[in-house]
Amino acid sequence: MVNRIVVGAHYGLRDWLAQRLTAVIMVIYTVILVTLCVRGQLADFATLKATFAQQWLRVATLLFIASFAWHAWVGVRDILMDYIKPTAVRLGLQTVVVLTIASYVAWSVQILWR
């Protein structure tokens, strides 16, 4: 009988589901934007501004940005955990990634509700 010792943070299923859920949200948002483009609602700056002035689209955009940030974090974190073995280097890189993603999300919120 093989006795397995499980180590690590046990991300497994939760992160797999997070990747799929955030991908679905991003696909739905992309379909919405493509539809708006085809209908001509994003043809020039005036119509673009008027379209994004609607609250539902701002909320959908914020949901897309949050999904994108989470998706990126899970993916980059997994890559760093797989390929960067020295703990201090990996932790430093993960900190840089988290701060970068958080600053991009904050900047996006500022742009959306300016």
PDB file of N, CA and C in Angstrom:
ATOM      1  N   MET A   1       0.830  -1.162   0.000  1.00  0.00           N
ATOM      2  CA  MET A   1       0.000   0.000   0.000  1.00  0.00           C
ATOM      3  C   MET A   1       0.889   1.244   0.000  1.00  0.00           C
ATOM      4  N   VAL A   2       0.506   2.223  -0.823  1.00  0.00           N
ATOM      5  CA  VAL A   2       1.260   3.463  -0.920  1.00  0.00           C
ATOM      6  C   VAL A   2       0.639   4.470   0.036  1.00  0.00           C
ATOM      7  N   ASN A   3       1.467   5.056   0.852  1.00  0.00           N
ATOM      8  CA  ASN A   3       0.994   6.064   1.800  1.00  0.00           C
ATOM      9  C   ASN A   3       1.387   7.437   1.256  1.00  0.00           C
ATOM     10  N   ARG A   4       0.423   8.195   0.811  1.00  0.00           N
ATOM     11  CA  ARG A   4       0.695   9.504   0.218  1.00  0.00           C
ATOM     12  C   ARG A   4       0.670  10.589   1.279  1.00  0.00           C
ATOM     13  N   ILE A   5       1.621  11.492   1.163  1.00  0.00           N
ATOM     14  CA  ILE A   5       1.655  12.663   2.035  1.00  0.00           C
ATOM     15  C   ILE A   5       1.285  13.857   1.164  1.00  0.00           C
ATOM     16  N   VAL A   6       0.197  14.493   1.495  1.00  0.00           N
ATOM     17  CA  VAL A   6      -0.283  15.622   0.717  1.00  0.00           C
ATOM     18  C   VAL A   6       0.328  16.887   1.294  1.00  0.00           C
ATOM     19  N   VAL A   7       0.988  17.633   0.446  1.00  0.00           N
ATOM     20  CA  VAL A   7       1.590  18.894   0.867  1.00  0.00           C
ATOM     21  C   VAL A   7       1.098  19.995  -0.043  1.00  0.00           C
ATOM     22  N   GLY A   8       1.283  21.219   0.374  1.00  0.00           N
ATOM     23  CA  GLY A   8       0.892  22.352  -0.453  1.00  0.00           C
ATOM     24  C   GLY A   8      -0.325  23.033   0.124  1.00  0.00           C
ATOM     25  N   ALA A   9      -0.879  23.920  -0.657  1.00  0.00           N
ATOM     26  CA  ALA A   9      -1.967  24.759  -0.178  1.00  0.00           C
ATOM     27  C   ALA A   9      -3.339  24.190  -0.502  1.00  0.00           C
ATOM     28  N   HIS A  10      -3.431  23.051  -1.173  1.00  0.00           N
ATOM     29  CA  HIS A  10      -4.706  22.395  -1.510  1.00  0.00           C
ATOM     30  C   HIS A  10      -5.611  23.293  -2.353  1.00  0.00           C
ATOM     31  N   TYR A  11      -5.079  23.933  -3.377  1.00  0.00           N
ATOM     32  CA  TYR A  11      -5.881  24.824  -4.205  1.00  0.00           C
ATOM     33  C   TYR A  11      -6.795  24.039  -5.143  1.00  0.00           C
ATOM     34  N   GLY A  12      -6.272  23.064  -5.816  1.00  0.00           N
ATOM     35  CA  GLY A  12      -6.958  22.136  -6.685  1.00  0.00           C
ATOM     36  C   GLY A  12      -8.285  22.535  -7.290  1.00  0.00           C
ATOM     37  N   LEU A  13      -9.364  21.945  -6.780  1.00  0.00           N
ATOM     38  CA  LEU A  13     -10.693  22.099  -7.361  1.00  0.00           C
ATOM     39  C   LEU A  13     -11.178  23.540  -7.318  1.00  0.00           C
ATOM     40  N   ARG A  14     -10.941  24.229  -6.228  1.00  0.00           N
ATOM     41  CA  ARG A  14     -11.403  25.615  -6.103  1.00  0.00           C
ATOM     42  C   ARG A  14     -10.811  26.490  -7.199  1.00  0.00           C
ATOM     43  N   ASP A  15      -9.522  26.367  -7.436  1.00  0.00           N
ATOM     44  CA  ASP A  15      -8.887  27.184  -8.465  1.00  0.00           C
ATOM     45  C   ASP A  15      -9.263  26.731  -9.868  1.00  0.00           C
ATOM     46  N   TRP A  16      -9.469  25.434 -10.053  1.00  0.00           N
ATOM     47  CA  TRP A  16      -9.930  24.945 -11.345  1.00  0.00           C
ATOM     48  C   TRP A  16     -11.299  25.545 -11.671  1.00  0.00           C
ATOM     49  N   LEU A  17     -12.196  25.534 -10.691  1.00  0.00           N
ATOM     50  CA  LEU A  17     -13.523  26.134 -10.889  1.00  0.00           C
ATOM     51  C   LEU A  17     -13.431  27.640 -11.081  1.00  0.00           C
ATOM     52  N   ALA A  18     -12.548  28.288 -10.343  1.00  0.00           N
ATOM     53  CA  ALA A  18     -12.382  29.735 -10.488  1.00  0.00           C
ATOM     54  C   ALA A  18     -11.927  30.083 -11.899  1.00  0.00           C
ATOM     55  N   GLN A  19     -10.989  29.326 -12.435  1.00  0.00           N
ATOM     56  CA  GLN A  19     -10.520  29.573 -13.796  1.00  0.00           C
ATOM     57  C   GLN A  19     -11.659  29.421 -14.805  1.00  0.00           C
ATOM     58  N   ARG A  20     -12.474  28.397 -14.629  1.00  0.00           N
ATOM     59  CA  ARG A  20     -13.583  28.171 -15.575  1.00  0.00           C
ATOM     60  C   ARG A  20     -14.664  29.229 -15.434  1.00  0.00           C
ATOM     61  N   LEU A  21     -15.024  29.570 -14.211  1.00  0.00           N
ATOM     62  CA  LEU A  21     -16.063  30.575 -13.975  1.00  0.00           C
ATOM     63  C   LEU A  21     -15.639  31.944 -14.501  1.00  0.00           C
ATOM     64  N   THR A  22     -14.412  32.346 -14.201  1.00  0.00           N
ATOM     65  CA  THR A  22     -13.955  33.649 -14.682  1.00  0.00           C
ATOM     66  C   THR A  22     -13.844  33.654 -16.208  1.00  0.00           C
ATOM     67  N   ALA A  23     -13.465  32.538 -16.793  1.00  0.00           N
ATOM     68  CA  ALA A  23     -13.401  32.464 -18.259  1.00  0.00           C
ATOM     69  C   ALA A  23     -14.787  32.616 -18.874  1.00  0.00           C
ATOM     70  N   VAL A  24     -15.791  31.992 -18.273  1.00  0.00           N
ATOM     71  CA  VAL A  24     -17.166  32.113 -18.779  1.00  0.00           C
ATOM     72  C   VAL A  24     -17.640  33.559 -18.677  1.00  0.00           C
ATOM     73  N   ILE A  25     -17.360  34.207 -17.560  1.00  0.00           N
ATOM     74  CA  ILE A  25     -17.757  35.612 -17.388  1.00  0.00           C
ATOM     75  C   ILE A  25     -17.084  36.480 -18.438  1.00  0.00           C
ATOM     76  N   MET A  26     -15.804  36.242 -18.695  1.00  0.00           N
ATOM     77  CA  MET A  26     -15.090  37.045 -19.688  1.00  0.00           C
ATOM     78  C   MET A  26     -15.618  36.792 -21.103  1.00  0.00           C
ATOM     79  N   VAL A  27     -16.000  35.560 -21.408  1.00  0.00           N
ATOM     80  CA  VAL A  27     -16.567  35.258 -22.731  1.00  0.00           C
ATOM     81  C   VAL A  27     -17.913  35.963 -22.904  1.00  0.00           C
ATOM     82  N   ILE A  28     -18.753  35.932 -21.877  1.00  0.00           N
ATOM     83  CA  ILE A  28     -20.056  36.597 -21.957  1.00  0.00           C
ATOM     84  C   ILE A  28     -19.880  38.097 -22.179  1.00  0.00           C
ATOM     85  N   TYR A  29     -18.959  38.702 -21.443  1.00  0.00           N
ATOM     86  CA  TYR A  29     -18.702  40.139 -21.604  1.00  0.00           C
ATOM     87  C   TYR A  29     -18.176  40.440 -23.009  1.00  0.00           C
ATOM     88  N   THR A  30     -17.298  39.578 -23.516  1.00  0.00           N
ATOM     89  CA  THR A  30     -16.762  39.777 -24.858  1.00  0.00           C
ATOM     90  C   THR A  30     -17.869  39.695 -25.902  1.00  0.00           C
ATOM     91  N   VAL A  31     -18.789  38.764 -25.742  1.00  0.00           N
ATOM     92  CA  VAL A  31     -19.924  38.648 -26.666  1.00  0.00           C
ATOM     93  C   VAL A  31     -20.777  39.921 -26.608  1.00  0.00           C
ATOM     94  N   ILE A  32     -20.981  40.455 -25.417  1.00  0.00           N
ATOM     95  CA  ILE A  32     -21.745  41.705 -25.270  1.00  0.00           C
ATOM     96  C   ILE A  32     -21.044  42.835 -26.018  1.00  0.00           C
ATOM     97  N   LEU A  33     -19.737  42.966 -25.844  1.00  0.00           N
ATOM     98  CA  LEU A  33     -19.005  44.042 -26.528  1.00  0.00           C
ATOM     99  C   LEU A  33     -19.003  43.862 -28.037  1.00  0.00           C
ATOM    100  N   VAL A  34     -18.846  42.637 -28.502  1.00  0.00           N
ATOM    101  CA  VAL A  34     -18.886  42.395 -29.952  1.00  0.00           C
ATOM    102  C   VAL A  34     -20.258  42.748 -30.501  1.00  0.00           C
ATOM    103  N   THR A  35     -21.302  42.393 -29.763  1.00  0.00           N
ATOM    104  CA  THR A  35     -22.664  42.741 -30.182  1.00  0.00           C
ATOM    105  C   THR A  35     -22.840  44.252 -30.260  1.00  0.00           C
ATOM    106  N   LEU A  36     -22.332  44.973 -29.261  1.00  0.00           N
ATOM    107  CA  LEU A  36     -22.427  46.438 -29.285  1.00  0.00           C
ATOM    108  C   LEU A  36     -21.643  47.024 -30.458  1.00  0.00           C
ATOM    109  N   CYS A  37     -20.498  46.426 -30.777  1.00  0.00           N
ATOM    110  CA  CYS A  37     -19.711  46.899 -31.924  1.00  0.00           C
ATOM    111  C   CYS A  37     -20.455  46.675 -33.232  1.00  0.00           C
ATOM    112  N   VAL A  38     -21.041  45.501 -33.386  1.00  0.00           N
ATOM    113  CA  VAL A  38     -21.755  45.170 -34.620  1.00  0.00           C
ATOM    114  C   VAL A  38     -22.963  46.090 -34.790  1.00  0.00           C
ATOM    115  N   ARG A  39     -23.620  46.413 -33.686  1.00  0.00           N
ATOM    116  CA  ARG A  39     -24.790  47.300 -33.744  1.00  0.00           C
ATOM    117  C   ARG A  39     -24.397  48.756 -33.926  1.00  0.00           C
ATOM    118  N   GLY A  40     -23.105  49.072 -33.885  1.00  0.00           N
ATOM    119  CA  GLY A  40     -22.638  50.436 -34.122  1.00  0.00           C
ATOM    120  C   GLY A  40     -22.660  51.323 -32.903  1.00  0.00           C
ATOM    121  N   GLN A  41     -22.811  50.740 -31.715  1.00  0.00           N
ATOM    122  CA  GLN A  41     -22.879  51.563 -30.504  1.00  0.00           C
ATOM    123  C   GLN A  41     -21.502  51.929 -29.972  1.00  0.00           C
ATOM    124  N   LEU A  42     -20.466  51.445 -30.598  1.00  0.00           N
ATOM    125  CA  LEU A  42     -19.109  51.799 -30.189  1.00  0.00           C
ATOM    126  C   LEU A  42     -18.333  52.369 -31.373  1.00  0.00           C
ATOM    127  N   ALA A  43     -19.069  53.033 -32.291  1.00  0.00           N
ATOM    128  CA  ALA A  43     -18.471  53.498 -33.536  1.00  0.00           C
ATOM    129  C   ALA A  43     -17.535  54.681 -33.338  1.00  0.00           C
ATOM    130  N   ASP A  44     -17.921  55.620 -32.507  1.00  0.00           N
ATOM    131  CA  ASP A  44     -17.070  56.783 -32.264  1.00  0.00           C
ATOM    132  C   ASP A  44     -17.076  57.099 -30.770  1.00  0.00           C
ATOM    133  N   PHE A  45     -16.311  58.105 -30.385  1.00  0.00           N
ATOM    134  CA  PHE A  45     -16.138  58.379 -28.958  1.00  0.00           C
ATOM    135  C   PHE A  45     -17.440  58.803 -28.292  1.00  0.00           C
ATOM    136  N   ALA A  46     -18.257  59.574 -28.981  1.00  0.00           N
ATOM    137  CA  ALA A  46     -19.508  60.052 -28.380  1.00  0.00           C
ATOM    138  C   ALA A  46     -20.456  58.893 -28.065  1.00  0.00           C
ATOM    139  N   THR A  47     -20.625  57.982 -29.018  1.00  0.00           N
ATOM    140  CA  THR A  47     -21.508  56.841 -28.751  1.00  0.00           C
ATOM    141  C   THR A  47     -20.884  55.875 -27.747  1.00  0.00           C
ATOM    142  N   LEU A  48     -19.560  55.736 -27.790  1.00  0.00           N
ATOM    143  CA  LEU A  48     -18.868  54.908 -26.813  1.00  0.00           C
ATOM    144  C   LEU A  48     -19.089  55.453 -25.402  1.00  0.00           C
ATOM    145  N   LYS A  49     -18.934  56.747 -25.245  1.00  0.00           N
ATOM    146  CA  LYS A  49     -19.117  57.385 -23.936  1.00  0.00           C
ATOM    147  C   LYS A  49     -20.559  57.253 -23.471  1.00  0.00           C
ATOM    148  N   ALA A  50     -21.510  57.441 -24.372  1.00  0.00           N
ATOM    149  CA  ALA A  50     -22.921  57.310 -24.014  1.00  0.00           C
ATOM    150  C   ALA A  50     -23.269  55.874 -23.633  1.00  0.00           C
ATOM    151  N   THR A  51     -22.700  54.915 -24.341  1.00  0.00           N
ATOM    152  CA  THR A  51     -22.965  53.513 -24.041  1.00  0.00           C
ATOM    153  C   THR A  51     -22.399  53.134 -22.680  1.00  0.00           C
ATOM    154  N   PHE A  52     -21.176  53.558 -22.392  1.00  0.00           N
ATOM    155  CA  PHE A  52     -20.556  53.220 -21.107  1.00  0.00           C
ATOM    156  C   PHE A  52     -21.076  54.079 -19.957  1.00  0.00           C
ATOM    157  N   ALA A  53     -21.902  55.055 -20.242  1.00  0.00           N
ATOM    158  CA  ALA A  53     -22.538  55.829 -19.181  1.00  0.00           C
ATOM    159  C   ALA A  53     -23.677  55.048 -18.524  1.00  0.00           C
ATOM    160  N   GLN A  54     -24.136  54.003 -19.200  1.00  0.00           N
ATOM    161  CA  GLN A  54     -25.202  53.173 -18.637  1.00  0.00           C
ATOM    162  C   GLN A  54     -24.641  52.346 -17.480  1.00  0.00           C
ATOM    163  N   GLN A  55     -25.384  52.317 -16.382  1.00  0.00           N
ATOM    164  CA  GLN A  55     -24.908  51.662 -15.163  1.00  0.00           C
ATOM    165  C   GLN A  55     -24.678  50.157 -15.346  1.00  0.00           C
ATOM    166  N   TRP A  56     -25.550  49.482 -16.089  1.00  0.00           N
ATOM    167  CA  TRP A  56     -25.417  48.032 -16.245  1.00  0.00           C
ATOM    168  C   TRP A  56     -24.120  47.664 -16.953  1.00  0.00           C
ATOM    169  N   LEU A  57     -23.694  48.494 -17.919  1.00  0.00           N
ATOM    170  CA  LEU A  57     -22.464  48.200 -18.638  1.00  0.00           C
ATOM    171  C   LEU A  57     -21.237  48.478 -17.770  1.00  0.00           C
ATOM    172  N   ARG A  58     -21.328  49.499 -16.937  1.00  0.00           N
ATOM    173  CA  ARG A  58     -20.232  49.763 -16.007  1.00  0.00           C
ATOM    174  C   ARG A  58     -20.074  48.605 -15.019  1.00  0.00           C
ATOM    175  N   VAL A  59     -21.191  48.117 -14.513  1.00  0.00           N
ATOM    176  CA  VAL A  59     -21.138  46.990 -13.582  1.00  0.00           C
ATOM    177  C   VAL A  59     -20.609  45.738 -14.300  1.00  0.00           C
ATOM    178  N   ALA A  60     -21.063  45.503 -15.518  1.00  0.00           N
ATOM    179  CA  ALA A  60     -20.580  44.358 -16.289  1.00  0.00           C
ATOM    180  C   ALA A  60     -19.074  44.490 -16.563  1.00  0.00           C
ATOM    181  N   THR A  61     -18.621  45.695 -16.852  1.00  0.00           N
ATOM    182  CA  THR A  61     -17.200  45.925 -17.082  1.00  0.00           C
ATOM    183  C   THR A  61     -16.403  45.692 -15.813  1.00  0.00           C
ATOM    184  N   LEU A  62     -16.921  46.148 -14.688  1.00  0.00           N
ATOM    185  CA  LEU A  62     -16.248  45.911 -13.415  1.00  0.00           C
ATOM    186  C   LEU A  62     -16.193  44.417 -13.089  1.00  0.00           C
ATOM    187  N   LEU A  63     -17.260  43.697 -13.377  1.00  0.00           N
ATOM    188  CA  LEU A  63     -17.266  42.249 -13.176  1.00  0.00           C
ATOM    189  C   LEU A  63     -16.234  41.576 -14.083  1.00  0.00           C
ATOM    190  N   PHE A  64     -16.130  42.053 -15.322  1.00  0.00           N
ATOM    191  CA  PHE A  64     -15.115  41.529 -16.239  1.00  0.00           C
ATOM    192  C   PHE A  64     -13.711  41.787 -15.700  1.00  0.00           C
ATOM    193  N   ILE A  65     -13.475  42.993 -15.222  1.00  0.00           N
ATOM    194  CA  ILE A  65     -12.146  43.351 -14.712  1.00  0.00           C
ATOM    195  C   ILE A  65     -11.798  42.505 -13.490  1.00  0.00           C
ATOM    196  N   ALA A  66     -12.749  42.332 -12.585  1.00  0.00           N
ATOM    197  CA  ALA A  66     -12.512  41.502 -11.399  1.00  0.00           C
ATOM    198  C   ALA A  66     -12.253  40.049 -11.805  1.00  0.00           C
ATOM    199  N   SER A  67     -13.020  39.553 -12.764  1.00  0.00           N
ATOM    200  CA  SER A  67     -12.826  38.185 -13.246  1.00  0.00           C
ATOM    201  C   SER A  67     -11.463  38.028 -13.906  1.00  0.00           C
ATOM    202  N   PHE A  68     -11.095  39.014 -14.706  1.00  0.00           N
ATOM    203  CA  PHE A  68      -9.804  38.980 -15.381  1.00  0.00           C
ATOM    204  C   PHE A  68      -8.658  38.996 -14.365  1.00  0.00           C
ATOM    205  N   ALA A  69      -8.792  39.831 -13.329  1.00  0.00           N
ATOM    206  CA  ALA A  69      -7.753  39.923 -12.302  1.00  0.00           C
ATOM    207  C   ALA A  69      -7.618  38.600 -11.554  1.00  0.00           C
ATOM    208  N   TRP A  70      -8.733  38.011 -11.183  1.00  0.00           N
ATOM    209  CA  TRP A  70      -8.700  36.737 -10.454  1.00  0.00           C
ATOM    210  C   TRP A  70      -8.114  35.630 -11.342  1.00  0.00           C
ATOM    211  N   HIS A  71      -8.555  35.609 -12.594  1.00  0.00           N
ATOM    212  CA  HIS A  71      -8.079  34.626 -13.553  1.00  0.00           C
ATOM    213  C   HIS A  71      -6.556  34.747 -13.725  1.00  0.00           C
ATOM    214  N   ALA A  72      -6.093  35.979 -13.880  1.00  0.00           N
ATOM    215  CA  ALA A  72      -4.661  36.214 -14.054  1.00  0.00           C
ATOM    216  C   ALA A  72      -3.889  35.819 -12.799  1.00  0.00           C
ATOM    217  N   TRP A  73      -4.420  36.164 -11.618  1.00  0.00           N
ATOM    218  CA  TRP A  73      -3.725  35.837 -10.386  1.00  0.00           C
ATOM    219  C   TRP A  73      -3.575  34.322 -10.216  1.00  0.00           C
ATOM    220  N   VAL A  74      -4.649  33.593 -10.422  1.00  0.00           N
ATOM    221  CA  VAL A  74      -4.584  32.138 -10.250  1.00  0.00           C
ATOM    222  C   VAL A  74      -3.586  31.533 -11.241  1.00  0.00           C
ATOM    223  N   GLY A  75      -3.620  31.984 -12.476  1.00  0.00           N
ATOM    224  CA  GLY A  75      -2.710  31.448 -13.480  1.00  0.00           C
ATOM    225  C   GLY A  75      -1.253  31.760 -13.192  1.00  0.00           C
ATOM    226  N   VAL A  76      -0.961  33.015 -12.885  1.00  0.00           N
ATOM    227  CA  VAL A  76       0.425  33.410 -12.622  1.00  0.00           C
ATOM    228  C   VAL A  76       0.923  32.776 -11.326  1.00  0.00           C
ATOM    229  N   ARG A  77       0.074  32.726 -10.311  1.00  0.00           N
ATOM    230  CA  ARG A  77       0.470  32.100  -9.048  1.00  0.00           C
ATOM    231  C   ARG A  77       0.832  30.631  -9.254  1.00  0.00           C
ATOM    232  N   ASP A  78       0.034  29.919 -10.036  1.00  0.00           N
ATOM    233  CA  ASP A  78       0.327  28.515 -10.296  1.00  0.00           C
ATOM    234  C   ASP A  78       1.637  28.344 -11.066  1.00  0.00           C
ATOM    235  N   ILE A  79       1.875  29.218 -12.027  1.00  0.00           N
ATOM    236  CA  ILE A  79       3.131  29.157 -12.776  1.00  0.00           C
ATOM    237  C   ILE A  79       4.310  29.417 -11.845  1.00  0.00           C
ATOM    238  N   LEU A  80       4.185  30.433 -10.988  1.00  0.00           N
ATOM    239  CA  LEU A  80       5.275  30.737 -10.058  1.00  0.00           C
ATOM    240  C   LEU A  80       5.503  29.585  -9.078  1.00  0.00           C
ATOM    241  N   MET A  81       4.415  28.972  -8.590  1.00  0.00           N
ATOM    242  CA  MET A  81       4.570  27.858  -7.656  1.00  0.00           C
ATOM    243  C   MET A  81       5.222  26.654  -8.332  1.00  0.00           C
ATOM    244  N   ASP A  82       4.957  26.467  -9.621  1.00  0.00           N
ATOM    245  CA  ASP A  82       5.515  25.321 -10.331  1.00  0.00           C
ATOM    246  C   ASP A  82       6.985  25.505 -10.705  1.00  0.00           C
ATOM    247  N   TYR A  83       7.375  26.732 -11.071  1.00  0.00           N
ATOM    248  CA  TYR A  83       8.686  26.905 -11.679  1.00  0.00           C
ATOM    249  C   TYR A  83       9.693  27.700 -10.851  1.00  0.00           C
ATOM    250  N   ILE A  84       9.256  28.432  -9.849  1.00  0.00           N
ATOM    251  CA  ILE A  84      10.194  29.199  -9.008  1.00  0.00           C
ATOM    252  C   ILE A  84      10.319  28.468  -7.680  1.00  0.00           C
ATOM    253  N   LYS A  85      11.429  27.804  -7.471  1.00  0.00           N
ATOM    254  CA  LYS A  85      11.589  26.959  -6.283  1.00  0.00           C
ATOM    255  C   LYS A  85      12.034  27.716  -5.033  1.00  0.00           C
ATOM    256  N   PRO A  86      12.955  28.692  -5.103  1.00  0.00           N
ATOM    257  CA  PRO A  86      13.336  29.399  -3.873  1.00  0.00           C
ATOM    258  C   PRO A  86      12.140  30.190  -3.317  1.00  0.00           C
ATOM    259  N   THR A  87      11.788  29.909  -2.079  1.00  0.00           N
ATOM    260  CA  THR A  87      10.577  30.485  -1.481  1.00  0.00           C
ATOM    261  C   THR A  87      10.608  32.006  -1.449  1.00  0.00           C
ATOM    262  N   ALA A  88      11.739  32.596  -1.089  1.00  0.00           N
ATOM    263  CA  ALA A  88      11.829  34.056  -0.978  1.00  0.00           C
ATOM    264  C   ALA A  88      11.623  34.727  -2.338  1.00  0.00           C
ATOM    265  N   VAL A  89      12.206  34.158  -3.370  1.00  0.00           N
ATOM    266  CA  VAL A  89      12.053  34.714  -4.719  1.00  0.00           C
ATOM    267  C   VAL A  89      10.605  34.584  -5.170  1.00  0.00           C
ATOM    268  N   ARG A  90      10.029  33.408  -4.944  1.00  0.00           N
ATOM    269  CA  ARG A  90       8.637  33.175  -5.348  1.00  0.00           C
ATOM    270  C   ARG A  90       7.700  34.134  -4.614  1.00  0.00           C
ATOM    271  N   LEU A  91       7.898  34.299  -3.309  1.00  0.00           N
ATOM    272  CA  LEU A  91       7.050  35.205  -2.531  1.00  0.00           C
ATOM    273  C   LEU A  91       7.199  36.646  -3.004  1.00  0.00           C
ATOM    274  N   GLY A  92       8.422  37.031  -3.316  1.00  0.00           N
ATOM    275  CA  GLY A  92       8.650  38.380  -3.832  1.00  0.00           C
ATOM    276  C   GLY A  92       7.950  38.612  -5.158  1.00  0.00           C
ATOM    277  N   LEU A  93       8.068  37.642  -6.060  1.00  0.00           N
ATOM    278  CA  LEU A  93       7.404  37.757  -7.357  1.00  0.00           C
ATOM    279  C   LEU A  93       5.881  37.756  -7.208  1.00  0.00           C
ATOM    280  N   GLN A  94       5.359  36.922  -6.314  1.00  0.00           N
ATOM    281  CA  GLN A  94       3.911  36.900  -6.096  1.00  0.00           C
ATOM    282  C   GLN A  94       3.429  38.235  -5.532  1.00  0.00           C
ATOM    283  N   THR A  95       4.210  38.841  -4.657  1.00  0.00           N
ATOM    284  CA  THR A  95       3.852  40.150  -4.108  1.00  0.00           C
ATOM    285  C   THR A  95       3.808  41.201  -5.205  1.00  0.00           C
ATOM    286  N   VAL A  96       4.805  41.179  -6.080  1.00  0.00           N
ATOM    287  CA  VAL A  96       4.834  42.131  -7.200  1.00  0.00           C
ATOM    288  C   VAL A  96       3.614  41.931  -8.097  1.00  0.00           C
ATOM    289  N   VAL A  97       3.271  40.683  -8.380  1.00  0.00           N
ATOM    290  CA  VAL A  97       2.120  40.387  -9.239  1.00  0.00           C
ATOM    291  C   VAL A  97       0.825  40.875  -8.588  1.00  0.00           C
ATOM    292  N   VAL A  98       0.642  40.585  -7.299  1.00  0.00           N
ATOM    293  CA  VAL A  98      -0.578  41.010  -6.604  1.00  0.00           C
ATOM    294  C   VAL A  98      -0.695  42.532  -6.599  1.00  0.00           C
ATOM    295  N   LEU A  99       0.391  43.225  -6.300  1.00  0.00           N
ATOM    296  CA  LEU A  99       0.351  44.690  -6.277  1.00  0.00           C
ATOM    297  C   LEU A  99       0.073  45.268  -7.663  1.00  0.00           C
ATOM    298  N   THR A 100       0.648  44.657  -8.684  1.00  0.00           N
ATOM    299  CA  THR A 100       0.406  45.117 -10.058  1.00  0.00           C
ATOM    300  C   THR A 100      -1.050  44.911 -10.452  1.00  0.00           C
ATOM    301  N   ILE A 101      -1.575  43.730 -10.198  1.00  0.00           N
ATOM    302  CA  ILE A 101      -2.975  43.456 -10.540  1.00  0.00           C
ATOM    303  C   ILE A 101      -3.909  44.369  -9.756  1.00  0.00           C
ATOM    304  N   ALA A 102      -3.649  44.563  -8.473  1.00  0.00           N
ATOM    305  CA  ALA A 102      -4.495  45.442  -7.648  1.00  0.00           C
ATOM    306  C   ALA A 102      -4.452  46.879  -8.151  1.00  0.00           C
ATOM    307  N   SER A 103      -3.278  47.342  -8.564  1.00  0.00           N
ATOM    308  CA  SER A 103      -3.197  48.713  -9.079  1.00  0.00           C
ATOM    309  C   SER A 103      -3.955  48.852 -10.397  1.00  0.00           C
ATOM    310  N   TYR A 104      -3.914  47.826 -11.237  1.00  0.00           N
ATOM    311  CA  TYR A 104      -4.669  47.875 -12.488  1.00  0.00           C
ATOM    312  C   TYR A 104      -6.176  47.871 -12.230  1.00  0.00           C
ATOM    313  N   VAL A 105      -6.621  47.098 -11.260  1.00  0.00           N
ATOM    314  CA  VAL A 105      -8.049  47.077 -10.919  1.00  0.00           C
ATOM    315  C   VAL A 105      -8.475  48.438 -10.372  1.00  0.00           C
ATOM    316  N   ALA A 106      -7.669  49.010  -9.490  1.00  0.00           N
ATOM    317  CA  ALA A 106      -7.992  50.331  -8.941  1.00  0.00           C
ATOM    318  C   ALA A 106      -8.032  51.392 -10.036  1.00  0.00           C
ATOM    319  N   TRP A 107      -7.105  51.330 -10.955  1.00  0.00           N
ATOM    320  CA  TRP A 107      -7.064  52.266 -12.071  1.00  0.00           C
ATOM    321  C   TRP A 107      -8.298  52.098 -12.955  1.00  0.00           C
ATOM    322  N   SER A 108      -8.704  50.865 -13.181  1.00  0.00           N
ATOM    323  CA  SER A 108      -9.898  50.603 -13.993  1.00  0.00           C
ATOM    324  C   SER A 108     -11.150  51.146 -13.332  1.00  0.00           C
ATOM    325  N   VAL A 109     -11.263  50.975 -12.022  1.00  0.00           N
ATOM    326  CA  VAL A 109     -12.411  51.521 -11.295  1.00  0.00           C
ATOM    327  C   VAL A 109     -12.420  53.043 -11.402  1.00  0.00           C
ATOM    328  N   GLN A 110     -11.251  53.661 -11.287  1.00  0.00           N
ATOM    329  CA  GLN A 110     -11.168  55.116 -11.423  1.00  0.00           C
ATOM    330  C   GLN A 110     -11.621  55.563 -12.807  1.00  0.00           C
ATOM    331  N   ILE A 111     -11.234  54.838 -13.839  1.00  0.00           N
ATOM    332  CA  ILE A 111     -11.638  55.181 -15.202  1.00  0.00           C
ATOM    333  C   ILE A 111     -13.144  55.007 -15.382  1.00  0.00           C
ATOM    334  N   LEU A 112     -13.699  53.919 -14.848  1.00  0.00           N
ATOM    335  CA  LEU A 112     -15.118  53.647 -15.025  1.00  0.00           C
ATOM    336  C   LEU A 112     -16.026  54.672 -14.342  1.00  0.00           C
ATOM    337  N   TRP A 113     -15.640  55.104 -13.160  1.00  0.00           N
ATOM    338  CA  TRP A 113     -16.515  56.009 -12.403  1.00  0.00           C
ATOM    339  C   TRP A 113     -15.953  57.404 -12.274  1.00  0.00           C
ATOM    340  N   ARG A 114     -15.174  57.835 -13.236  1.00  0.00           N
ATOM    341  CA  ARG A 114     -14.633  59.185 -13.241  1.00  0.00           C
ATOM    342  C   ARG A 114     -15.708  60.160 -13.631  1.00  0.00           C
TER     343      ARG A 114
END
